[in-house]
Amino acid sequence: MRLKGKKIGFALTGSHCTLEKVFPELEKLLEEGAEVYPIISSSVDQTNSRFGEATEWKTLLVKKKQGKRLLRAFWQPSLWGQR
């Protein structure tokens, strides 16, 4: 329980071919006692691919977190001074 009481943001982005590979790492964090907050990019949130459907990934994340809220990341170029 080395991570007990630690809050960790666990972000998944649009590299869909690697999504399945990160879930064992999420399990390790949970086993160590971390409070993990899953964050997904708009690509993971909305894109179905040959590696899985968006709803499958979101359902799996929420199930792993026992119903904790899924955070959605977004990026707006204007917020970063780009046009």
N, C-alpha and C. Protein backbone atom coordinates (compact mmCIF):
# COMPACT_ATOMS: atom_id res chain seq x y z
N MET A 1 0.81 -1.20 0.00
CA MET A 1 0.00 0.00 0.00
C MET A 1 0.86 1.26 0.00
N ARG A 2 1.87 1.26 -0.81
CA ARG A 2 2.79 2.40 -0.86
C ARG A 2 2.12 3.68 -1.33
N LEU A 3 1.04 3.56 -2.11
CA LEU A 3 0.41 4.74 -2.67
C LEU A 3 -0.89 5.11 -1.96
N LYS A 4 -1.14 4.52 -0.82
CA LYS A 4 -2.37 4.79 -0.09
C LYS A 4 -2.48 6.29 0.21
N GLY A 5 -3.63 6.84 -0.12
CA GLY A 5 -3.87 8.26 0.11
C GLY A 5 -3.39 9.17 -0.99
N LYS A 6 -2.67 8.65 -1.97
CA LYS A 6 -2.19 9.46 -3.10
C LYS A 6 -3.28 9.54 -4.16
N LYS A 7 -3.47 10.72 -4.72
CA LYS A 7 -4.44 10.94 -5.80
C LYS A 7 -3.67 11.05 -7.11
N ILE A 8 -4.06 10.20 -8.07
CA ILE A 8 -3.33 10.13 -9.34
C ILE A 8 -4.31 10.28 -10.50
N GLY A 9 -4.00 11.20 -11.42
CA GLY A 9 -4.75 11.31 -12.65
C GLY A 9 -4.18 10.32 -13.66
N PHE A 10 -5.03 9.48 -14.23
CA PHE A 10 -4.60 8.44 -15.16
C PHE A 10 -5.23 8.75 -16.51
N ALA A 11 -4.43 9.33 -17.43
CA ALA A 11 -4.98 9.82 -18.70
C ALA A 11 -4.78 8.82 -19.83
N LEU A 12 -5.84 8.66 -20.62
CA LEU A 12 -5.79 7.84 -21.83
C LEU A 12 -6.02 8.76 -23.03
N THR A 13 -5.14 8.65 -24.00
CA THR A 13 -5.24 9.50 -25.19
C THR A 13 -5.51 8.64 -26.42
N GLY A 14 -5.47 9.27 -27.59
CA GLY A 14 -5.88 8.63 -28.83
C GLY A 14 -4.94 7.61 -29.41
N SER A 15 -4.04 7.08 -28.65
CA SER A 15 -3.21 6.00 -29.16
C SER A 15 -3.97 4.69 -28.92
N HIS A 16 -5.01 4.47 -29.71
CA HIS A 16 -5.97 3.39 -29.47
C HIS A 16 -5.35 2.00 -29.44
N CYS A 17 -4.26 1.81 -30.17
CA CYS A 17 -3.64 0.48 -30.22
C CYS A 17 -2.99 0.11 -28.89
N THR A 18 -2.78 1.06 -28.01
CA THR A 18 -2.13 0.76 -26.72
C THR A 18 -3.10 0.79 -25.54
N LEU A 19 -4.35 1.10 -25.77
CA LEU A 19 -5.30 1.23 -24.66
C LEU A 19 -5.38 -0.04 -23.81
N GLU A 20 -5.48 -1.17 -24.45
CA GLU A 20 -5.60 -2.43 -23.71
C GLU A 20 -4.37 -2.69 -22.83
N LYS A 21 -3.22 -2.22 -23.28
CA LYS A 21 -1.98 -2.47 -22.56
C LYS A 21 -1.83 -1.65 -21.28
N VAL A 22 -2.58 -0.56 -21.15
CA VAL A 22 -2.41 0.28 -19.96
C VAL A 22 -3.26 -0.16 -18.78
N PHE A 23 -4.26 -1.00 -19.03
CA PHE A 23 -5.13 -1.40 -17.93
C PHE A 23 -4.41 -2.19 -16.83
N PRO A 24 -3.43 -3.05 -17.16
CA PRO A 24 -2.67 -3.69 -16.07
C PRO A 24 -1.93 -2.67 -15.20
N GLU A 25 -1.50 -1.57 -15.79
CA GLU A 25 -0.82 -0.53 -15.00
C GLU A 25 -1.81 0.17 -14.08
N LEU A 26 -3.02 0.38 -14.57
CA LEU A 26 -4.07 0.96 -13.74
C LEU A 26 -4.35 0.03 -12.55
N GLU A 27 -4.41 -1.26 -12.81
CA GLU A 27 -4.62 -2.24 -11.74
C GLU A 27 -3.53 -2.16 -10.68
N LYS A 28 -2.29 -2.01 -11.11
CA LYS A 28 -1.17 -1.92 -10.17
C LYS A 28 -1.32 -0.70 -9.25
N LEU A 29 -1.72 0.43 -9.83
CA LEU A 29 -1.91 1.63 -9.02
C LEU A 29 -3.01 1.43 -7.99
N LEU A 30 -4.10 0.79 -8.41
CA LEU A 30 -5.20 0.53 -7.49
C LEU A 30 -4.79 -0.44 -6.39
N GLU A 31 -4.03 -1.46 -6.76
CA GLU A 31 -3.57 -2.44 -5.77
C GLU A 31 -2.64 -1.80 -4.74
N GLU A 32 -1.91 -0.78 -5.16
CA GLU A 32 -1.00 -0.08 -4.24
C GLU A 32 -1.73 0.93 -3.35
N GLY A 33 -3.05 1.05 -3.57
CA GLY A 33 -3.84 1.92 -2.70
C GLY A 33 -4.07 3.32 -3.22
N ALA A 34 -3.66 3.61 -4.45
CA ALA A 34 -3.83 4.96 -4.99
C ALA A 34 -5.30 5.23 -5.28
N GLU A 35 -5.67 6.49 -5.15
CA GLU A 35 -7.00 6.95 -5.55
C GLU A 35 -6.83 7.48 -6.98
N VAL A 36 -7.29 6.72 -7.96
CA VAL A 36 -7.02 7.02 -9.36
C VAL A 36 -8.23 7.69 -9.99
N TYR A 37 -7.96 8.79 -10.69
CA TYR A 37 -8.99 9.52 -11.41
C TYR A 37 -8.75 9.34 -12.91
N PRO A 38 -9.61 8.56 -13.58
CA PRO A 38 -9.42 8.34 -15.01
C PRO A 38 -9.78 9.57 -15.83
N ILE A 39 -8.91 9.91 -16.76
CA ILE A 39 -9.10 11.05 -17.65
C ILE A 39 -8.99 10.53 -19.08
N ILE A 40 -9.93 10.92 -19.94
CA ILE A 40 -9.86 10.48 -21.33
C ILE A 40 -9.87 11.68 -22.27
N SER A 41 -9.16 11.52 -23.37
CA SER A 41 -9.15 12.57 -24.40
C SER A 41 -10.45 12.47 -25.21
N SER A 42 -10.73 13.48 -26.01
CA SER A 42 -11.93 13.45 -26.84
C SER A 42 -11.87 12.29 -27.84
N SER A 43 -10.68 11.93 -28.25
CA SER A 43 -10.52 10.81 -29.18
C SER A 43 -10.96 9.50 -28.53
N VAL A 44 -10.54 9.25 -27.32
CA VAL A 44 -10.95 8.03 -26.61
C VAL A 44 -12.44 8.10 -26.30
N ASP A 45 -12.93 9.29 -26.01
CA ASP A 45 -14.33 9.49 -25.66
C ASP A 45 -15.26 9.22 -26.84
N GLN A 46 -14.83 9.53 -28.07
CA GLN A 46 -15.75 9.54 -29.20
C GLN A 46 -15.40 8.62 -30.36
N THR A 47 -14.21 8.03 -30.38
CA THR A 47 -13.76 7.29 -31.55
C THR A 47 -13.87 5.78 -31.37
N ASN A 48 -14.56 5.15 -32.31
CA ASN A 48 -14.57 3.69 -32.40
C ASN A 48 -13.47 3.30 -33.37
N SER A 49 -12.71 2.28 -33.03
CA SER A 49 -11.63 1.84 -33.90
C SER A 49 -11.59 0.32 -33.92
N ARG A 50 -10.68 -0.22 -34.70
CA ARG A 50 -10.55 -1.68 -34.74
C ARG A 50 -10.03 -2.23 -33.42
N PHE A 51 -9.55 -1.36 -32.56
CA PHE A 51 -9.04 -1.79 -31.25
C PHE A 51 -10.11 -1.76 -30.17
N GLY A 52 -11.29 -1.25 -30.49
CA GLY A 52 -12.39 -1.21 -29.54
C GLY A 52 -13.26 0.01 -29.74
N GLU A 53 -14.46 -0.09 -29.20
CA GLU A 53 -15.41 1.02 -29.29
C GLU A 53 -15.24 1.95 -28.09
N ALA A 54 -15.54 3.21 -28.31
CA ALA A 54 -15.41 4.22 -27.25
C ALA A 54 -16.19 3.83 -26.01
N THR A 55 -17.41 3.34 -26.18
CA THR A 55 -18.23 2.97 -25.02
C THR A 55 -17.60 1.82 -24.23
N GLU A 56 -16.91 0.90 -24.91
CA GLU A 56 -16.25 -0.20 -24.22
C GLU A 56 -15.16 0.31 -23.29
N TRP A 57 -14.32 1.23 -23.80
CA TRP A 57 -13.22 1.76 -22.99
C TRP A 57 -13.76 2.53 -21.79
N LYS A 58 -14.79 3.34 -22.02
CA LYS A 58 -15.35 4.13 -20.93
C LYS A 58 -15.99 3.23 -19.88
N THR A 59 -16.71 2.21 -20.32
CA THR A 59 -17.34 1.27 -19.38
C THR A 59 -16.29 0.55 -18.56
N LEU A 60 -15.23 0.11 -19.21
CA LEU A 60 -14.16 -0.60 -18.51
C LEU A 60 -13.48 0.30 -17.47
N LEU A 61 -13.24 1.55 -17.82
CA LEU A 61 -12.62 2.48 -16.87
C LEU A 61 -13.50 2.70 -15.65
N VAL A 62 -14.77 2.93 -15.87
CA VAL A 62 -15.69 3.18 -14.76
C VAL A 62 -15.82 1.93 -13.89
N LYS A 63 -15.85 0.77 -14.52
CA LYS A 63 -15.94 -0.49 -13.78
C LYS A 63 -14.71 -0.68 -12.90
N LYS A 64 -13.53 -0.40 -13.44
CA LYS A 64 -12.28 -0.53 -12.67
C LYS A 64 -12.29 0.42 -11.48
N LYS A 65 -12.88 1.58 -11.68
CA LYS A 65 -12.89 2.60 -10.63
C LYS A 65 -14.12 2.48 -9.75
N GLN A 66 -14.89 1.43 -9.91
CA GLN A 66 -16.07 1.16 -9.09
C GLN A 66 -17.03 2.34 -9.10
N GLY A 67 -17.30 2.84 -10.31
CA GLY A 67 -18.31 3.88 -10.47
C GLY A 67 -17.83 5.31 -10.33
N LYS A 68 -16.53 5.52 -10.11
CA LYS A 68 -16.04 6.89 -10.00
C LYS A 68 -16.23 7.63 -11.30
N ARG A 69 -16.41 8.90 -11.20
CA ARG A 69 -16.66 9.75 -12.36
C ARG A 69 -15.48 9.75 -13.32
N LEU A 70 -15.79 9.70 -14.60
CA LEU A 70 -14.79 9.73 -15.66
C LEU A 70 -14.60 11.18 -16.08
N LEU A 71 -13.36 11.66 -16.06
CA LEU A 71 -13.07 13.04 -16.45
C LEU A 71 -12.72 13.09 -17.93
N ARG A 72 -13.28 14.08 -18.62
CA ARG A 72 -13.00 14.24 -20.04
C ARG A 72 -12.11 15.46 -20.24
N ALA A 73 -10.99 15.23 -20.91
CA ALA A 73 -10.05 16.32 -21.19
C ALA A 73 -10.44 16.98 -22.51
N PHE A 74 -10.17 18.25 -22.62
CA PHE A 74 -10.41 18.93 -23.88
C PHE A 74 -9.31 19.95 -24.09
N TRP A 75 -9.13 20.32 -25.32
CA TRP A 75 -8.08 21.27 -25.66
C TRP A 75 -8.67 22.31 -26.58
N GLN A 76 -8.48 23.57 -26.24
CA GLN A 76 -8.94 24.66 -27.07
C GLN A 76 -7.72 25.50 -27.43
N PRO A 77 -7.41 25.60 -28.72
CA PRO A 77 -6.21 26.36 -29.12
C PRO A 77 -6.18 27.78 -28.56
N SER A 78 -7.35 28.42 -28.45
CA SER A 78 -7.37 29.81 -27.98
C SER A 78 -6.88 29.94 -26.54
N LEU A 79 -7.03 28.88 -25.76
CA LEU A 79 -6.57 28.92 -24.36
C LEU A 79 -5.05 28.94 -24.28
N TRP A 80 -4.39 28.47 -25.32
CA TRP A 80 -2.94 28.37 -25.30
C TRP A 80 -2.26 29.41 -26.21
N GLY A 81 -3.04 30.38 -26.67
CA GLY A 81 -2.46 31.45 -27.46
C GLY A 81 -2.21 31.08 -28.92
N GLN A 82 -2.76 29.96 -29.37
CA GLN A 82 -2.62 29.58 -30.77
C GLN A 82 -3.91 29.85 -31.51
N ARG A 83 -3.80 30.12 -32.77
CA ARG A 83 -5.00 30.41 -33.57
C ARG A 83 -5.15 29.42 -34.67
